[in-house]
Amino acid sequence: MVILVSNDKKRVMLTLTKEVADDLEKNAKSMGLSKSALITSWINENRKESEQKK
């Protein structure tokens, strides 16, 4: 897994169900990441996969 760190960051607010928020926290903890880092990683992976399909 590659995690890119950027100095140019933007704060966002998400509303999640309790179940999804709990799953996010559990996944992040098990991987030793913050929730923000995990979401960033998932988005970057998805972007990479989408670009490869083109």
PDB file of N, CA and C in Angstrom:
ATOM      1  N   MET A   1       0.844  -1.170   0.000  1.00  0.00           N
ATOM      2  CA  MET A   1       0.000   0.000   0.000  1.00  0.00           C
ATOM      3  C   MET A   1       0.891   1.234   0.000  1.00  0.00           C
ATOM      4  N   VAL A   2       0.571   2.177  -0.858  1.00  0.00           N
ATOM      5  CA  VAL A   2       1.316   3.422  -0.936  1.00  0.00           C
ATOM      6  C   VAL A   2       0.425   4.536  -0.420  1.00  0.00           C
ATOM      7  N   ILE A   3       0.932   5.291   0.529  1.00  0.00           N
ATOM      8  CA  ILE A   3       0.192   6.433   1.066  1.00  0.00           C
ATOM      9  C   ILE A   3       0.954   7.684   0.700  1.00  0.00           C
ATOM     10  N   LEU A   4       0.300   8.544  -0.051  1.00  0.00           N
ATOM     11  CA  LEU A   4       0.920   9.796  -0.460  1.00  0.00           C
ATOM     12  C   LEU A   4       0.574  10.877   0.550  1.00  0.00           C
ATOM     13  N   VAL A   5       1.560  11.626   0.964  1.00  0.00           N
ATOM     14  CA  VAL A   5       1.348  12.707   1.921  1.00  0.00           C
ATOM     15  C   VAL A   5       1.491  14.027   1.186  1.00  0.00           C
ATOM     16  N   SER A   6       0.535  14.884   1.368  1.00  0.00           N
ATOM     17  CA  SER A   6       0.545  16.176   0.700  1.00  0.00           C
ATOM     18  C   SER A   6       0.455  17.281   1.742  1.00  0.00           C
ATOM     19  N   ASN A   7       1.158  18.350   1.491  1.00  0.00           N
ATOM     20  CA  ASN A   7       1.046  19.511   2.375  1.00  0.00           C
ATOM     21  C   ASN A   7      -0.196  20.324   2.070  1.00  0.00           C
ATOM     22  N   ASP A   8      -0.757  20.119   0.890  1.00  0.00           N
ATOM     23  CA  ASP A   8      -1.951  20.840   0.459  1.00  0.00           C
ATOM     24  C   ASP A   8      -3.174  20.006   0.827  1.00  0.00           C
ATOM     25  N   LYS A   9      -3.747  20.269   1.976  1.00  0.00           N
ATOM     26  CA  LYS A   9      -4.866  19.469   2.469  1.00  0.00           C
ATOM     27  C   LYS A   9      -6.106  20.329   2.635  1.00  0.00           C
ATOM     28  N   LYS A  10      -7.258  19.676   2.531  1.00  0.00           N
ATOM     29  CA  LYS A  10      -8.534  20.357   2.717  1.00  0.00           C
ATOM     30  C   LYS A  10      -9.362  19.544   3.696  1.00  0.00           C
ATOM     31  N   ARG A  11      -9.900  20.185   4.667  1.00  0.00           N
ATOM     32  CA  ARG A  11     -10.730  19.509   5.666  1.00  0.00           C
ATOM     33  C   ARG A  11     -12.139  19.323   5.099  1.00  0.00           C
ATOM     34  N   VAL A  12     -12.680  18.115   5.269  1.00  0.00           N
ATOM     35  CA  VAL A  12     -14.048  17.818   4.817  1.00  0.00           C
ATOM     36  C   VAL A  12     -14.818  17.175   5.962  1.00  0.00           C
ATOM     37  N   MET A  13     -16.118  17.273   5.886  1.00  0.00           N
ATOM     38  CA  MET A  13     -16.963  16.658   6.900  1.00  0.00           C
ATOM     39  C   MET A  13     -17.820  15.596   6.217  1.00  0.00           C
ATOM     40  N   LEU A  14     -17.895  14.417   6.822  1.00  0.00           N
ATOM     41  CA  LEU A  14     -18.701  13.321   6.301  1.00  0.00           C
ATOM     42  C   LEU A  14     -19.751  12.944   7.326  1.00  0.00           C
ATOM     43  N   THR A  15     -20.898  12.508   6.843  1.00  0.00           N
ATOM     44  CA  THR A  15     -21.912  11.956   7.717  1.00  0.00           C
ATOM     45  C   THR A  15     -22.063  10.490   7.347  1.00  0.00           C
ATOM     46  N   LEU A  16     -21.819   9.621   8.322  1.00  0.00           N
ATOM     47  CA  LEU A  16     -21.872   8.183   8.107  1.00  0.00           C
ATOM     48  C   LEU A  16     -22.837   7.559   9.105  1.00  0.00           C
ATOM     49  N   THR A  17     -23.386   6.412   8.737  1.00  0.00           N
ATOM     50  CA  THR A  17     -24.179   5.681   9.719  1.00  0.00           C
ATOM     51  C   THR A  17     -23.232   5.195  10.808  1.00  0.00           C
ATOM     52  N   LYS A  18     -23.775   4.888  11.971  1.00  0.00           N
ATOM     53  CA  LYS A  18     -22.944   4.395  13.070  1.00  0.00           C
ATOM     54  C   LYS A  18     -22.215   3.125  12.651  1.00  0.00           C
ATOM     55  N   GLU A  19     -22.905   2.247  11.943  1.00  0.00           N
ATOM     56  CA  GLU A  19     -22.297   0.987  11.511  1.00  0.00           C
ATOM     57  C   GLU A  19     -21.095   1.235  10.589  1.00  0.00           C
ATOM     58  N   VAL A  20     -21.260   2.136   9.620  1.00  0.00           N
ATOM     59  CA  VAL A  20     -20.165   2.439   8.695  1.00  0.00           C
ATOM     60  C   VAL A  20     -19.025   3.129   9.431  1.00  0.00           C
ATOM     61  N   ALA A  21     -19.340   4.057  10.324  1.00  0.00           N
ATOM     62  CA  ALA A  21     -18.306   4.754  11.092  1.00  0.00           C
ATOM     63  C   ALA A  21     -17.530   3.774  11.973  1.00  0.00           C
ATOM     64  N   ASP A  22     -18.231   2.833  12.581  1.00  0.00           N
ATOM     65  CA  ASP A  22     -17.562   1.823  13.409  1.00  0.00           C
ATOM     66  C   ASP A  22     -16.661   0.934  12.561  1.00  0.00           C
ATOM     67  N   ASP A  23     -17.136   0.541  11.376  1.00  0.00           N
ATOM     68  CA  ASP A  23     -16.325  -0.277  10.470  1.00  0.00           C
ATOM     69  C   ASP A  23     -15.082   0.481  10.012  1.00  0.00           C
ATOM     70  N   LEU A  24     -15.251   1.755   9.708  1.00  0.00           N
ATOM     71  CA  LEU A  24     -14.122   2.580   9.292  1.00  0.00           C
ATOM     72  C   LEU A  24     -13.078   2.641  10.405  1.00  0.00           C
ATOM     73  N   GLU A  25     -13.514   2.892  11.614  1.00  0.00           N
ATOM     74  CA  GLU A  25     -12.592   2.979  12.744  1.00  0.00           C
ATOM     75  C   GLU A  25     -11.887   1.645  12.985  1.00  0.00           C
ATOM     76  N   LYS A  26     -12.633   0.539  12.908  1.00  0.00           N
ATOM     77  CA  LYS A  26     -12.048  -0.794  13.118  1.00  0.00           C
ATOM     78  C   LYS A  26     -11.005  -1.096  12.042  1.00  0.00           C
ATOM     79  N   ASN A  27     -11.316  -0.798  10.772  1.00  0.00           N
ATOM     80  CA  ASN A  27     -10.374  -1.032   9.681  1.00  0.00           C
ATOM     81  C   ASN A  27      -9.122  -0.188   9.842  1.00  0.00           C
ATOM     82  N   ALA A  28      -9.297   1.076  10.177  1.00  0.00           N
ATOM     83  CA  ALA A  28      -8.155   1.976  10.333  1.00  0.00           C
ATOM     84  C   ALA A  28      -7.243   1.490  11.463  1.00  0.00           C
ATOM     85  N   LYS A  29      -7.829   1.134  12.588  1.00  0.00           N
ATOM     86  CA  LYS A  29      -7.029   0.660  13.730  1.00  0.00           C
ATOM     87  C   LYS A  29      -6.272  -0.611  13.377  1.00  0.00           C
ATOM     88  N   SER A  30      -6.930  -1.532  12.678  1.00  0.00           N
ATOM     89  CA  SER A  30      -6.282  -2.802  12.356  1.00  0.00           C
ATOM     90  C   SER A  30      -5.114  -2.615  11.390  1.00  0.00           C
ATOM     91  N   MET A  31      -5.155  -1.528  10.612  1.00  0.00           N
ATOM     92  CA  MET A  31      -4.080  -1.250   9.654  1.00  0.00           C
ATOM     93  C   MET A  31      -3.063  -0.251  10.204  1.00  0.00           C
ATOM     94  N   GLY A  32      -3.308   0.257  11.395  1.00  0.00           N
ATOM     95  CA  GLY A  32      -2.396   1.218  12.005  1.00  0.00           C
ATOM     96  C   GLY A  32      -2.431   2.576  11.332  1.00  0.00           C
ATOM     97  N   LEU A  33      -3.602   2.935  10.794  1.00  0.00           N
ATOM     98  CA  LEU A  33      -3.753   4.209  10.089  1.00  0.00           C
ATOM     99  C   LEU A  33      -4.816   5.059  10.765  1.00  0.00           C
ATOM    100  N   SER A  34      -4.773   6.344  10.481  1.00  0.00           N
ATOM    101  CA  SER A  34      -5.879   7.204  10.892  1.00  0.00           C
ATOM    102  C   SER A  34      -7.036   6.954   9.927  1.00  0.00           C
ATOM    103  N   LYS A  35      -8.219   7.343  10.329  1.00  0.00           N
ATOM    104  CA  LYS A  35      -9.380   7.197   9.431  1.00  0.00           C
ATOM    105  C   LYS A  35      -9.167   8.015   8.162  1.00  0.00           C
ATOM    106  N   SER A  36      -8.607   9.187   8.307  1.00  0.00           N
ATOM    107  CA  SER A  36      -8.332  10.050   7.161  1.00  0.00           C
ATOM    108  C   SER A  36      -7.348   9.394   6.193  1.00  0.00           C
ATOM    109  N   ALA A  37      -6.286   8.810   6.742  1.00  0.00           N
ATOM    110  CA  ALA A  37      -5.280   8.154   5.895  1.00  0.00           C
ATOM    111  C   ALA A  37      -5.883   6.951   5.176  1.00  0.00           C
ATOM    112  N   LEU A  38      -6.740   6.206   5.850  1.00  0.00           N
ATOM    113  CA  LEU A  38      -7.365   5.045   5.226  1.00  0.00           C
ATOM    114  C   LEU A  38      -8.296   5.464   4.093  1.00  0.00           C
ATOM    115  N   ILE A  39      -9.115   6.463   4.317  1.00  0.00           N
ATOM    116  CA  ILE A  39     -10.018   6.944   3.265  1.00  0.00           C
ATOM    117  C   ILE A  39      -9.213   7.467   2.088  1.00  0.00           C
ATOM    118  N   THR A  40      -8.147   8.218   2.362  1.00  0.00           N
ATOM    119  CA  THR A  40      -7.279   8.732   1.293  1.00  0.00           C
ATOM    120  C   THR A  40      -6.692   7.580   0.491  1.00  0.00           C
ATOM    121  N   SER A  41      -6.237   6.552   1.180  1.00  0.00           N
ATOM    122  CA  SER A  41      -5.667   5.386   0.508  1.00  0.00           C
ATOM    123  C   SER A  41      -6.701   4.710  -0.390  1.00  0.00           C
ATOM    124  N   TRP A  42      -7.914   4.526   0.119  1.00  0.00           N
ATOM    125  CA  TRP A  42      -8.981   3.890  -0.667  1.00  0.00           C
ATOM    126  C   TRP A  42      -9.309   4.712  -1.920  1.00  0.00           C
ATOM    127  N   ILE A  43      -9.384   6.022  -1.758  1.00  0.00           N
ATOM    128  CA  ILE A  43      -9.694   6.885  -2.902  1.00  0.00           C
ATOM    129  C   ILE A  43      -8.567   6.827  -3.930  1.00  0.00           C
ATOM    130  N   ASN A  44      -7.319   6.868  -3.469  1.00  0.00           N
ATOM    131  CA  ASN A  44      -6.181   6.785  -4.394  1.00  0.00           C
ATOM    132  C   ASN A  44      -6.154   5.450  -5.130  1.00  0.00           C
ATOM    133  N   GLU A  45      -6.456   4.347  -4.435  1.00  0.00           N
ATOM    134  CA  GLU A  45      -6.505   3.036  -5.071  1.00  0.00           C
ATOM    135  C   GLU A  45      -7.602   3.001  -6.128  1.00  0.00           C
ATOM    136  N   ASN A  46      -8.765   3.547  -5.795  1.00  0.00           N
ATOM    137  CA  ASN A  46      -9.886   3.570  -6.731  1.00  0.00           C
ATOM    138  C   ASN A  46      -9.557   4.406  -7.961  1.00  0.00           C
ATOM    139  N   ARG A  47      -8.906   5.537  -7.743  1.00  0.00           N
ATOM    140  CA  ARG A  47      -8.519   6.410  -8.855  1.00  0.00           C
ATOM    141  C   ARG A  47      -7.541   5.685  -9.771  1.00  0.00           C
ATOM    142  N   LYS A  48      -6.579   4.983  -9.164  1.00  0.00           N
ATOM    143  CA  LYS A  48      -5.581   4.240  -9.937  1.00  0.00           C
ATOM    144  C   LYS A  48      -6.246   3.153 -10.768  1.00  0.00           C
ATOM    145  N   GLU A  49      -7.187   2.402 -10.159  1.00  0.00           N
ATOM    146  CA  GLU A  49      -7.900   1.344 -10.874  1.00  0.00           C
ATOM    147  C   GLU A  49      -8.735   1.926 -12.016  1.00  0.00           C
ATOM    148  N   SER A  50      -9.371   3.063 -11.779  1.00  0.00           N
ATOM    149  CA  SER A  50     -10.187   3.699 -12.825  1.00  0.00           C
ATOM    150  C   SER A  50      -9.334   4.141 -14.005  1.00  0.00           C
ATOM    151  N   GLU A  51      -8.152   4.673 -13.715  1.00  0.00           N
ATOM    152  CA  GLU A  51      -7.250   5.109 -14.785  1.00  0.00           C
ATOM    153  C   GLU A  51      -6.739   3.928 -15.596  1.00  0.00           C
ATOM    154  N   GLN A  52      -6.539   2.790 -14.952  1.00  0.00           N
ATOM    155  CA  GLN A  52      -6.042   1.607 -15.650  1.00  0.00           C
ATOM    156  C   GLN A  52      -7.105   1.026 -16.586  1.00  0.00           C
ATOM    157  N   LYS A  53      -8.380   1.233 -16.279  1.00  0.00           N
ATOM    158  CA  LYS A  53      -9.474   0.718 -17.093  1.00  0.00           C
ATOM    159  C   LYS A  53      -9.660   1.523 -18.369  1.00  0.00           C
ATOM    160  N   LYS A  54      -9.120   2.739 -18.413  1.00  0.00           N
ATOM    161  CA  LYS A  54      -9.303   3.605 -19.586  1.00  0.00           C
ATOM    162  C   LYS A  54      -8.479   3.141 -20.738  1.00  0.00           C
TER     163      LYS A  54
END
